[in-house]
Amino acid sequence: MDSSAEPPSPPPRYPASPRSPEPAPLLTSREYYDLAKDPHQLTDKLYRATPAQEQALGIPALAARLAADRVS
C-alpha cells in the first residue's frame, strides 16, 4: 500500500430536508452501472472498486458535479 496516498474522505451527507431539522444520514452505499452494457444492472462497477478504478470511471468528477448541483 502506498503510504503517500491520501486517506479516504468520510462519506458525504445528504442535504437536510426542509421539512426536518434533523441532519441527513450518512451515505453508506453507492452503486454505479454501465447501462449501455448492463441494462439490467447486474454488475455494480463500484463494488470493491479501488480508488484508481473509481478515478478511471470518473467518479470523483461526477461526485463533484452532484455536490455542486445540490447547493444550487
N, C-alpha and C. Protein backbone atom coordinates (compact mmCIF):
# COMPACT_ATOMS: atom_id res chain seq x y z
N MET A 1 0.85 -1.18 0.00
CA MET A 1 0.00 0.00 0.00
C MET A 1 0.89 1.23 0.00
N ASP A 2 0.54 2.22 -0.78
CA ASP A 2 1.32 3.44 -0.90
C ASP A 2 1.02 4.34 0.30
N SER A 3 2.03 4.62 1.11
CA SER A 3 1.81 5.41 2.31
C SER A 3 1.61 6.88 1.98
N SER A 4 1.92 7.32 0.75
CA SER A 4 1.72 8.71 0.37
C SER A 4 0.30 8.98 -0.13
N ALA A 5 -0.49 7.95 -0.28
CA ALA A 5 -1.86 8.13 -0.76
C ALA A 5 -2.70 8.81 0.32
N GLU A 6 -3.62 9.64 -0.14
CA GLU A 6 -4.49 10.34 0.81
C GLU A 6 -5.46 9.36 1.45
N PRO A 7 -5.79 9.57 2.73
CA PRO A 7 -6.78 8.69 3.36
C PRO A 7 -8.14 8.96 2.73
N PRO A 8 -9.01 7.97 2.75
CA PRO A 8 -10.34 8.19 2.15
C PRO A 8 -11.11 9.25 2.91
N SER A 9 -11.87 10.03 2.19
CA SER A 9 -12.68 11.06 2.84
C SER A 9 -13.92 10.41 3.44
N PRO A 10 -14.50 11.04 4.45
CA PRO A 10 -15.71 10.47 5.05
C PRO A 10 -16.83 10.48 4.02
N PRO A 11 -17.79 9.57 4.17
CA PRO A 11 -18.89 9.54 3.21
C PRO A 11 -19.68 10.85 3.26
N PRO A 12 -20.21 11.29 2.12
CA PRO A 12 -20.97 12.54 2.12
C PRO A 12 -22.30 12.38 2.82
N ARG A 13 -22.84 13.49 3.26
CA ARG A 13 -24.17 13.50 3.87
C ARG A 13 -25.17 14.05 2.85
N TYR A 14 -26.37 13.52 2.89
CA TYR A 14 -27.43 14.09 2.07
C TYR A 14 -27.80 15.44 2.69
N PRO A 15 -28.27 16.39 1.89
CA PRO A 15 -28.69 17.66 2.47
C PRO A 15 -29.91 17.47 3.38
N ALA A 16 -30.03 18.33 4.38
CA ALA A 16 -31.16 18.25 5.30
C ALA A 16 -32.45 18.56 4.55
N SER A 17 -33.49 17.87 4.90
CA SER A 17 -34.79 18.10 4.29
C SER A 17 -35.38 19.39 4.86
N PRO A 18 -36.03 20.20 4.03
CA PRO A 18 -36.65 21.42 4.56
C PRO A 18 -37.76 21.12 5.56
N ARG A 19 -38.29 19.89 5.54
CA ARG A 19 -39.36 19.52 6.46
C ARG A 19 -38.83 18.99 7.79
N SER A 20 -37.54 18.72 7.85
CA SER A 20 -36.98 18.12 9.06
C SER A 20 -35.72 18.87 9.50
N PRO A 21 -35.65 19.27 10.75
CA PRO A 21 -34.44 19.95 11.23
C PRO A 21 -33.30 18.97 11.51
N GLU A 22 -33.57 17.68 11.45
CA GLU A 22 -32.55 16.67 11.74
C GLU A 22 -31.55 16.60 10.59
N PRO A 23 -30.26 16.40 10.92
CA PRO A 23 -29.28 16.22 9.84
C PRO A 23 -29.56 14.94 9.07
N ALA A 24 -29.21 14.96 7.82
CA ALA A 24 -29.44 13.80 6.96
C ALA A 24 -28.48 12.68 7.34
N PRO A 25 -28.86 11.43 7.10
CA PRO A 25 -27.99 10.30 7.44
C PRO A 25 -26.78 10.25 6.50
N LEU A 26 -25.75 9.58 6.96
CA LEU A 26 -24.58 9.37 6.12
C LEU A 26 -24.93 8.49 4.94
N LEU A 27 -24.30 8.79 3.82
CA LEU A 27 -24.44 7.94 2.65
C LEU A 27 -23.60 6.70 2.90
N THR A 28 -24.22 5.55 2.93
CA THR A 28 -23.49 4.33 3.31
C THR A 28 -23.23 3.39 2.15
N SER A 29 -23.84 3.63 1.01
CA SER A 29 -23.58 2.76 -0.13
C SER A 29 -23.69 3.56 -1.42
N ARG A 30 -22.97 3.09 -2.42
CA ARG A 30 -23.02 3.72 -3.74
C ARG A 30 -23.07 2.60 -4.77
N GLU A 31 -23.74 2.86 -5.86
CA GLU A 31 -23.81 1.90 -6.96
C GLU A 31 -23.57 2.67 -8.25
N TYR A 32 -22.95 1.99 -9.21
CA TYR A 32 -22.67 2.61 -10.50
C TYR A 32 -22.72 1.53 -11.56
N TYR A 33 -23.60 1.70 -12.53
CA TYR A 33 -23.80 0.70 -13.57
C TYR A 33 -23.56 1.31 -14.95
N ASP A 34 -23.03 0.53 -15.85
CA ASP A 34 -22.90 0.90 -17.25
C ASP A 34 -24.19 0.44 -17.93
N LEU A 35 -25.14 1.34 -18.05
CA LEU A 35 -26.46 0.95 -18.55
C LEU A 35 -26.45 0.56 -20.02
N ALA A 36 -25.46 1.04 -20.78
CA ALA A 36 -25.37 0.63 -22.18
C ALA A 36 -24.95 -0.83 -22.30
N LYS A 37 -24.02 -1.26 -21.45
CA LYS A 37 -23.52 -2.63 -21.50
C LYS A 37 -24.24 -3.56 -20.53
N ASP A 38 -24.88 -3.00 -19.52
CA ASP A 38 -25.51 -3.79 -18.46
C ASP A 38 -26.88 -3.19 -18.13
N PRO A 39 -27.84 -3.25 -19.07
CA PRO A 39 -29.12 -2.59 -18.85
C PRO A 39 -29.94 -3.18 -17.70
N HIS A 40 -29.63 -4.38 -17.29
CA HIS A 40 -30.36 -5.00 -16.17
C HIS A 40 -29.70 -4.75 -14.83
N GLN A 41 -28.65 -3.93 -14.83
CA GLN A 41 -27.94 -3.53 -13.62
C GLN A 41 -27.51 -4.73 -12.78
N LEU A 42 -26.79 -5.62 -13.41
CA LEU A 42 -26.32 -6.83 -12.73
C LEU A 42 -24.91 -6.68 -12.16
N THR A 43 -24.11 -5.76 -12.73
CA THR A 43 -22.73 -5.61 -12.30
C THR A 43 -22.48 -4.20 -11.80
N ASP A 44 -22.36 -4.05 -10.48
CA ASP A 44 -22.09 -2.77 -9.86
C ASP A 44 -20.61 -2.46 -10.02
N LYS A 45 -20.29 -1.42 -10.78
CA LYS A 45 -18.89 -1.07 -11.06
C LYS A 45 -18.16 -0.57 -9.81
N LEU A 46 -18.87 -0.12 -8.79
CA LEU A 46 -18.22 0.39 -7.58
C LEU A 46 -18.03 -0.67 -6.51
N TYR A 47 -18.58 -1.85 -6.71
CA TYR A 47 -18.42 -2.91 -5.71
C TYR A 47 -16.95 -3.30 -5.65
N ARG A 48 -16.34 -3.07 -4.52
CA ARG A 48 -14.92 -3.35 -4.28
C ARG A 48 -13.98 -2.63 -5.24
N ALA A 49 -14.40 -1.50 -5.76
CA ALA A 49 -13.54 -0.72 -6.67
C ALA A 49 -12.43 -0.03 -5.88
N THR A 50 -11.25 -0.03 -6.45
CA THR A 50 -10.12 0.68 -5.85
C THR A 50 -10.25 2.17 -6.20
N PRO A 51 -9.53 3.03 -5.49
CA PRO A 51 -9.56 4.45 -5.86
C PRO A 51 -9.13 4.68 -7.31
N ALA A 52 -8.18 3.91 -7.81
CA ALA A 52 -7.75 4.05 -9.21
C ALA A 52 -8.89 3.66 -10.16
N GLN A 53 -9.64 2.63 -9.83
CA GLN A 53 -10.77 2.23 -10.67
C GLN A 53 -11.87 3.28 -10.63
N GLU A 54 -12.11 3.86 -9.45
CA GLU A 54 -13.11 4.92 -9.34
C GLU A 54 -12.69 6.12 -10.18
N GLN A 55 -11.40 6.44 -10.15
CA GLN A 55 -10.88 7.55 -10.94
C GLN A 55 -11.11 7.27 -12.43
N ALA A 56 -10.81 6.05 -12.86
CA ALA A 56 -10.98 5.68 -14.27
C ALA A 56 -12.44 5.76 -14.70
N LEU A 57 -13.36 5.49 -13.78
CA LEU A 57 -14.79 5.59 -14.09
C LEU A 57 -15.29 7.04 -14.09
N GLY A 58 -14.48 7.96 -13.57
CA GLY A 58 -14.89 9.36 -13.49
C GLY A 58 -15.73 9.68 -12.28
N ILE A 59 -15.66 8.84 -11.26
CA ILE A 59 -16.50 9.03 -10.07
C ILE A 59 -16.19 10.33 -9.32
N PRO A 60 -14.91 10.71 -9.11
CA PRO A 60 -14.65 11.98 -8.41
C PRO A 60 -15.27 13.18 -9.12
N ALA A 61 -15.16 13.23 -10.44
CA ALA A 61 -15.75 14.34 -11.19
C ALA A 61 -17.28 14.32 -11.10
N LEU A 62 -17.85 13.14 -11.19
CA LEU A 62 -19.30 13.00 -11.07
C LEU A 62 -19.77 13.43 -9.68
N ALA A 63 -19.04 13.02 -8.65
CA ALA A 63 -19.40 13.40 -7.28
C ALA A 63 -19.33 14.91 -7.09
N ALA A 64 -18.32 15.54 -7.70
CA ALA A 64 -18.19 17.00 -7.60
C ALA A 64 -19.37 17.69 -8.29
N ARG A 65 -19.76 17.18 -9.46
CA ARG A 65 -20.91 17.77 -10.17
C ARG A 65 -22.19 17.61 -9.37
N LEU A 66 -22.39 16.45 -8.78
CA LEU A 66 -23.60 16.23 -7.97
C LEU A 66 -23.61 17.12 -6.74
N ALA A 67 -22.45 17.27 -6.09
CA ALA A 67 -22.38 18.14 -4.91
C ALA A 67 -22.69 19.59 -5.28
N ALA A 68 -22.17 20.04 -6.43
CA ALA A 68 -22.45 21.41 -6.87
C ALA A 68 -23.93 21.59 -7.18
N ASP A 69 -24.55 20.59 -7.77
CA ASP A 69 -25.98 20.68 -8.07
C ASP A 69 -26.83 20.70 -6.81
N ARG A 70 -26.37 20.03 -5.76
CA ARG A 70 -27.15 20.01 -4.52
C ARG A 70 -27.23 21.39 -3.88
N VAL A 71 -26.19 22.21 -4.03
CA VAL A 71 -26.18 23.53 -3.38
C VAL A 71 -26.77 24.62 -4.27
N SER A 72 -26.97 24.32 -5.54
CA SER A 72 -27.51 25.37 -6.43
C SER A 72 -29.01 25.30 -6.50
